[in-house]
Amino acid sequence: VPPYGRTEAELNWSDVQPFLQSRGYMLRPRYHPGWVGSWVGTKKKPETCED
């Protein structure tokens, strides 16, 4: 899956992100359930995008 998909550890964080958000913590968008890379559907190169 990597380099441009999420690792198993990142998927684990995305599982707990809603709980953390309910407690006032916000993870980066990459860790939100349903995340799609910002380069998807564009001509951007994944390695030039922050996420």
C-alpha atoms as a PDB file:
ATOM      1  CA  VAL A   1       0.000   0.000   0.000  1.00  0.00           C
ATOM      2  CA  PRO A   2       2.660   2.627   0.880  1.00  0.00           C
ATOM      3  CA  PRO A   3       4.279   4.850  -0.342  1.00  0.00           C
ATOM      4  CA  TYR A   4       1.023   6.627  -1.269  1.00  0.00           C
ATOM      5  CA  GLY A   5      -1.564   4.581   0.585  1.00  0.00           C
ATOM      6  CA  ARG A   6      -1.835   4.329   4.347  1.00  0.00           C
ATOM      7  CA  THR A   7       0.202   1.966   6.472  1.00  0.00           C
ATOM      8  CA  GLU A   8      -1.398  -0.440   8.924  1.00  0.00           C
ATOM      9  CA  ALA A   9      -0.450   1.902  11.770  1.00  0.00           C
ATOM     10  CA  GLU A  10      -2.144   4.827   9.998  1.00  0.00           C
ATOM     11  CA  LEU A  11      -5.266   2.731   9.488  1.00  0.00           C
ATOM     12  CA  ASN A  12      -5.272   1.953  13.209  1.00  0.00           C
ATOM     13  CA  TRP A  13      -5.115   5.678  13.989  1.00  0.00           C
ATOM     14  CA  SER A  14      -7.982   6.344  11.585  1.00  0.00           C
ATOM     15  CA  ASP A  15     -10.061   3.843  13.562  1.00  0.00           C
ATOM     16  CA  VAL A  16      -9.652   5.858  16.776  1.00  0.00           C
ATOM     17  CA  GLN A  17      -9.818   9.323  15.185  1.00  0.00           C
ATOM     18  CA  PRO A  18     -13.594   9.787  15.789  1.00  0.00           C
ATOM     19  CA  PHE A  19     -13.124   8.978  19.483  1.00  0.00           C
ATOM     20  CA  LEU A  20     -10.190  11.369  19.767  1.00  0.00           C
ATOM     21  CA  GLN A  21     -12.180  14.090  18.003  1.00  0.00           C
ATOM     22  CA  SER A  22     -15.055  13.601  20.443  1.00  0.00           C
ATOM     23  CA  ARG A  23     -12.541  14.337  23.206  1.00  0.00           C
ATOM     24  CA  GLY A  24     -11.240  17.504  21.564  1.00  0.00           C
ATOM     25  CA  TYR A  25      -8.214  16.112  19.723  1.00  0.00           C
ATOM     26  CA  MET A  26      -7.860  16.388  15.959  1.00  0.00           C
ATOM     27  CA  LEU A  27      -5.507  14.280  13.890  1.00  0.00           C
ATOM     28  CA  ARG A  28      -4.241  15.280  10.460  1.00  0.00           C
ATOM     29  CA  PRO A  29      -6.677  14.566   7.613  1.00  0.00           C
ATOM     30  CA  ARG A  30      -4.631  11.534   6.529  1.00  0.00           C
ATOM     31  CA  TYR A  31      -5.808   9.782   9.694  1.00  0.00           C
ATOM     32  CA  HIS A  32      -9.522  10.497   9.217  1.00  0.00           C
ATOM     33  CA  PRO A  33     -11.763   7.602   8.155  1.00  0.00           C
ATOM     34  CA  GLY A  34     -12.430   7.742   4.427  1.00  0.00           C
ATOM     35  CA  TRP A  35      -9.333   9.827   3.675  1.00  0.00           C
ATOM     36  CA  VAL A  36      -8.401  10.182   0.006  1.00  0.00           C
ATOM     37  CA  GLY A  37      -5.084  11.721  -0.974  1.00  0.00           C
ATOM     38  CA  SER A  38      -5.309  15.334  -2.125  1.00  0.00           C
ATOM     39  CA  TRP A  39      -3.597  14.373  -5.385  1.00  0.00           C
ATOM     40  CA  VAL A  40      -6.325  11.911  -6.396  1.00  0.00           C
ATOM     41  CA  GLY A  41      -8.191  13.222  -9.426  1.00  0.00           C
ATOM     42  CA  THR A  42      -5.578  15.903 -10.119  1.00  0.00           C
ATOM     43  CA  LYS A  43      -2.340  16.063 -12.042  1.00  0.00           C
ATOM     44  CA  LYS A  44      -0.381  16.632  -8.833  1.00  0.00           C
ATOM     45  CA  LYS A  45       2.394  14.222  -7.971  1.00  0.00           C
ATOM     46  CA  PRO A  46       1.752  12.459  -4.641  1.00  0.00           C
ATOM     47  CA  GLU A  47       5.279  13.163  -3.450  1.00  0.00           C
ATOM     48  CA  THR A  48       4.643  16.924  -3.725  1.00  0.00           C
ATOM     49  CA  CYS A  49       1.549  16.845  -1.500  1.00  0.00           C
ATOM     50  CA  GLU A  50       1.672  17.203   2.281  1.00  0.00           C
ATOM     51  CA  ASP A  51      -0.688  14.330   2.890  1.00  0.00           C
END
